[in-house]
Amino acid sequence: MELESYRYIAIDGPIGAGKTSLATRLATLWGAQALLEQPEGNPFLAEFYRDAARHAFQTQAFFLLQRMGQLQAPLDPALAEGRFIADFMLEKNILFAQLTLAGDELALYDALHRQLQPQVRIPDLVIHLQAPPEVLQARIGARGIAMEQAISLDYLQRLSECYSHFFYHYEDAPVLTVNTEHLDPAHNDADLAILLQHIQQMHGKRAFLNHGG
């Protein structure tokens, strides 16, 4: 499939995998609109990192509504000929909710998510970024965002497993899974060329890119 045929690409994966950097690079390369997460706009997030049990539902509910609003752009008829690169999928909301909510709160959140899910456009391609939890934690530490420093290795391990399980069963769009431990297409031109080649050569619903270090 030619690269120009992908009008809407969603990039997702655990914290620290490199989603935003890659989405920004691809959007610039293709003259596409970048749909980027806005975690700084969530007034509950800092408190969530300090006391997850108390603030999880408010945090996840805000993200669900915020991301729904952002994902209206690919459905706008006035933008039908445009290209979009997102650094998230709506489905990520339920993955994080499953890690942070339980009981009635999780059931309520799941019901809200199911009501909203049909209102978003399905991507032409999903790029699933992954890396070992130790690498993710090191990247989070290096970027120095204060409220992220409390994220534990165990949380990153569980989150990575949730993503792997989700994409193993995901059938709505083709998925290219990329191990970013030794691959940095957002900042390295040679690595970007490798990624673009794999995107162009994709056939079927699944492909994997694991570039050794």
Protein backbone atom coordinates (compact mmCIF):
# COMPACT_ATOMS: atom_id res chain seq x y z
CA MET A 1 0.00 0.00 0.00
CA GLU A 2 1.39 3.42 -0.96
CA LEU A 3 2.18 5.77 1.92
CA GLU A 4 -0.19 8.37 0.45
CA SER A 5 -3.07 5.93 0.89
CA TYR A 6 -2.87 6.17 4.67
CA ARG A 7 -5.02 9.20 5.42
CA TYR A 8 -5.37 8.59 9.15
CA ILE A 9 -2.66 6.94 11.26
CA ALA A 10 -2.94 6.42 15.00
CA ILE A 11 0.14 5.77 17.12
CA ASP A 12 -0.25 4.25 20.57
CA GLY A 13 1.64 2.38 23.25
CA PRO A 14 2.76 2.75 26.86
CA ILE A 15 4.14 5.91 28.42
CA GLY A 16 7.67 6.60 27.20
CA ALA A 17 7.42 4.60 23.98
CA GLY A 18 7.88 7.71 21.78
CA LYS A 19 4.35 8.29 20.46
CA THR A 20 4.26 12.08 20.45
CA SER A 21 7.72 12.52 18.92
CA LEU A 22 6.91 10.10 16.10
CA ALA A 23 3.47 11.56 15.43
CA THR A 24 4.98 15.04 15.21
CA ARG A 25 7.71 13.85 12.84
CA LEU A 26 5.30 12.04 10.53
CA ALA A 27 2.84 14.94 10.53
CA THR A 28 5.61 17.31 9.49
CA LEU A 29 6.88 14.90 6.85
CA TRP A 30 3.46 14.40 5.28
CA GLY A 31 1.93 17.81 5.85
CA ALA A 32 -0.68 16.17 8.07
CA GLN A 33 -2.63 17.50 11.02
CA ALA A 34 -1.13 16.24 14.28
CA LEU A 35 -3.69 15.19 16.88
CA LEU A 36 -1.62 15.18 20.05
CA GLU A 37 -2.62 14.29 23.58
CA GLN A 38 -2.89 17.19 26.01
CA PRO A 39 -2.22 15.69 29.43
CA GLU A 40 -1.29 19.11 30.82
CA GLY A 41 -4.95 20.09 30.32
CA ASN A 42 -6.20 17.44 32.74
CA PRO A 43 -6.68 19.14 36.13
CA PHE A 44 -6.83 15.81 37.95
CA LEU A 45 -3.65 14.21 36.59
CA ALA A 46 -1.11 15.52 39.11
CA GLU A 47 -3.32 14.43 42.00
CA PHE A 48 -3.83 11.07 40.33
CA TYR A 49 -0.09 10.39 40.34
CA ARG A 50 -0.02 11.25 44.06
CA ASP A 51 -3.15 9.31 45.06
CA ALA A 52 -4.37 7.10 42.20
CA ALA A 53 -7.19 5.38 44.10
CA ARG A 54 -8.84 8.67 45.03
CA HIS A 55 -8.53 10.50 41.73
CA ALA A 56 -8.60 7.72 39.09
CA PHE A 57 -12.22 8.07 37.95
CA GLN A 58 -12.10 11.86 37.53
CA THR A 59 -8.78 11.58 35.68
CA GLN A 60 -9.98 8.91 33.28
CA ALA A 61 -13.36 10.57 32.68
CA PHE A 62 -11.67 13.87 31.77
CA PHE A 63 -9.30 12.11 29.35
CA LEU A 64 -12.20 10.26 27.72
CA LEU A 65 -14.09 13.48 26.98
CA GLN A 66 -10.95 15.39 26.00
CA ARG A 67 -9.82 12.74 23.54
CA MET A 68 -13.32 12.40 22.09
CA GLY A 69 -13.27 16.12 21.35
CA GLN A 70 -9.89 15.86 19.63
CA LEU A 71 -10.94 12.91 17.51
CA GLN A 72 -13.84 14.81 15.99
CA ALA A 73 -11.42 16.37 13.47
CA PRO A 74 -11.02 13.27 11.25
CA LEU A 75 -14.83 13.09 10.99
CA ASP A 76 -15.29 16.72 9.92
CA PRO A 77 -16.57 16.75 6.29
CA ALA A 78 -14.70 20.01 5.72
CA LEU A 79 -11.46 18.16 6.46
CA ALA A 80 -12.29 15.01 4.51
CA GLU A 81 -9.31 15.36 2.18
CA GLY A 82 -6.85 15.99 5.00
CA ARG A 83 -4.36 13.63 6.60
CA PHE A 84 -4.18 13.01 10.33
CA ILE A 85 -1.55 11.57 12.62
CA ALA A 86 -2.70 10.96 16.20
CA ASP A 87 -0.52 9.95 19.14
CA PHE A 88 -3.40 8.12 20.80
CA MET A 89 -6.47 5.99 20.17
CA LEU A 90 -9.73 6.31 22.06
CA GLU A 91 -9.34 2.68 23.11
CA LYS A 92 -6.40 3.60 25.33
CA ASN A 93 -8.90 5.04 27.80
CA ILE A 94 -10.31 1.66 28.67
CA LEU A 95 -6.84 0.12 29.00
CA PHE A 96 -5.81 2.72 31.58
CA ALA A 97 -9.19 2.44 33.29
CA GLN A 98 -8.73 -1.30 33.71
CA LEU A 99 -5.48 -0.61 35.55
CA THR A 100 -6.83 2.12 37.82
CA LEU A 101 -10.54 1.47 38.36
CA ALA A 102 -12.52 -1.42 39.80
CA GLY A 103 -16.06 -2.46 40.66
CA ASP A 104 -18.89 -0.02 39.96
CA GLU A 105 -16.56 2.76 38.83
CA LEU A 106 -15.02 0.54 36.16
CA ALA A 107 -18.47 -0.68 35.06
CA LEU A 108 -19.71 2.92 34.75
CA TYR A 109 -16.59 4.00 32.87
CA ASP A 110 -16.87 1.04 30.51
CA ALA A 111 -20.50 1.94 29.78
CA LEU A 112 -19.50 5.54 28.96
CA HIS A 113 -16.70 4.35 26.72
CA ARG A 114 -18.97 1.96 24.83
CA GLN A 115 -21.45 4.78 24.17
CA LEU A 116 -18.75 7.06 22.75
CA GLN A 117 -16.59 4.56 20.85
CA PRO A 118 -18.80 4.34 17.71
CA GLN A 119 -18.47 8.11 17.24
CA VAL A 120 -14.79 8.01 16.25
CA ARG A 121 -13.23 7.19 12.90
CA ILE A 122 -11.25 3.98 12.55
CA PRO A 123 -7.62 4.62 11.54
CA ASP A 124 -6.25 3.35 8.23
CA LEU A 125 -3.18 2.14 10.15
CA VAL A 126 -2.20 1.78 13.79
CA ILE A 127 1.44 1.90 14.86
CA HIS A 128 1.88 0.17 18.21
CA LEU A 129 5.11 1.32 19.86
CA GLN A 130 6.67 -0.79 22.59
CA ALA A 131 9.88 -1.04 24.62
CA PRO A 132 10.98 -2.94 27.75
CA PRO A 133 9.57 -1.40 30.96
CA GLU A 134 13.10 -0.54 32.17
CA VAL A 135 13.67 1.47 28.98
CA LEU A 136 10.32 3.22 29.34
CA GLN A 137 11.11 4.17 32.93
CA ALA A 138 14.53 5.52 31.97
CA ARG A 139 12.98 7.68 29.24
CA ILE A 140 10.33 9.00 31.62
CA GLY A 141 13.06 9.90 34.09
CA ALA A 142 15.14 11.61 31.41
CA ARG A 143 12.35 13.87 30.19
CA GLY A 144 11.94 15.15 33.72
CA ILE A 145 8.20 15.82 33.98
CA ALA A 146 7.76 16.08 37.72
CA MET A 147 4.38 14.42 38.08
CA GLU A 148 5.52 11.39 36.02
CA GLN A 149 8.44 10.53 38.28
CA ALA A 150 6.25 8.46 40.59
CA ILE A 151 5.33 6.00 37.81
CA SER A 152 6.59 2.62 38.96
CA LEU A 153 8.27 -0.12 36.99
CA ASP A 154 5.45 -2.48 37.98
CA TYR A 155 2.86 -0.08 36.56
CA LEU A 156 4.76 0.18 33.27
CA GLN A 157 5.04 -3.62 33.11
CA ARG A 158 1.30 -4.05 33.60
CA LEU A 159 0.52 -1.27 31.14
CA SER A 160 2.76 -2.80 28.48
CA GLU A 161 1.06 -6.15 28.97
CA CYS A 162 -2.36 -4.51 28.59
CA TYR A 163 -1.30 -2.96 25.30
CA SER A 164 0.15 -6.22 24.01
CA HIS A 165 -3.01 -8.11 24.90
CA PHE A 166 -5.22 -5.44 23.34
CA PHE A 167 -3.36 -5.34 20.03
CA TYR A 168 -3.14 -9.13 19.88
CA HIS A 169 -6.95 -9.15 19.62
CA TYR A 170 -7.47 -5.86 17.75
CA GLU A 171 -9.01 -6.37 14.30
CA ASP A 172 -10.44 -2.99 13.28
CA ALA A 173 -7.34 -1.76 11.41
CA PRO A 174 -3.90 -3.04 10.36
CA VAL A 175 -1.35 -2.88 13.18
CA LEU A 176 2.40 -2.41 12.83
CA THR A 177 4.10 -3.21 16.14
CA VAL A 178 7.46 -1.46 16.52
CA ASN A 179 10.03 -2.19 19.20
CA THR A 180 11.61 1.19 19.91
CA GLU A 181 14.32 -0.05 22.28
CA HIS A 182 16.96 0.34 19.54
CA LEU A 183 14.94 2.26 16.95
CA ASP A 184 14.28 6.00 17.04
CA PRO A 185 12.43 7.00 13.85
CA ALA A 186 11.39 10.32 15.38
CA HIS A 187 14.97 11.58 15.58
CA ASN A 188 17.07 9.31 13.37
CA ASP A 189 16.68 9.57 9.58
CA ALA A 190 17.92 6.04 8.90
CA ASP A 191 15.49 4.60 11.43
CA LEU A 192 12.69 6.66 9.93
CA ALA A 193 13.48 5.22 6.49
CA ILE A 194 13.26 1.70 7.95
CA LEU A 195 9.87 2.45 9.49
CA LEU A 196 8.48 3.99 6.29
CA GLN A 197 9.64 0.98 4.30
CA HIS A 198 7.84 -1.37 6.67
CA ILE A 199 4.67 0.72 6.48
CA GLN A 200 4.73 0.66 2.70
CA GLN A 201 5.36 -3.09 2.57
CA MET A 202 2.58 -4.01 5.00
CA HIS A 203 0.24 -6.77 3.89
CA GLY A 204 -2.62 -8.05 5.95
CA LYS A 205 -3.53 -7.11 9.50
CA ARG A 206 -0.25 -7.65 11.37
CA ALA A 207 3.39 -6.71 10.94
CA PHE A 208 6.33 -6.40 13.34
CA LEU A 209 9.45 -4.28 13.29
CA ASN A 210 12.13 -5.34 15.75
CA HIS A 211 15.41 -3.61 14.88
CA GLY A 212 18.33 -5.04 16.88
CA GLY A 213 20.76 -2.85 18.81
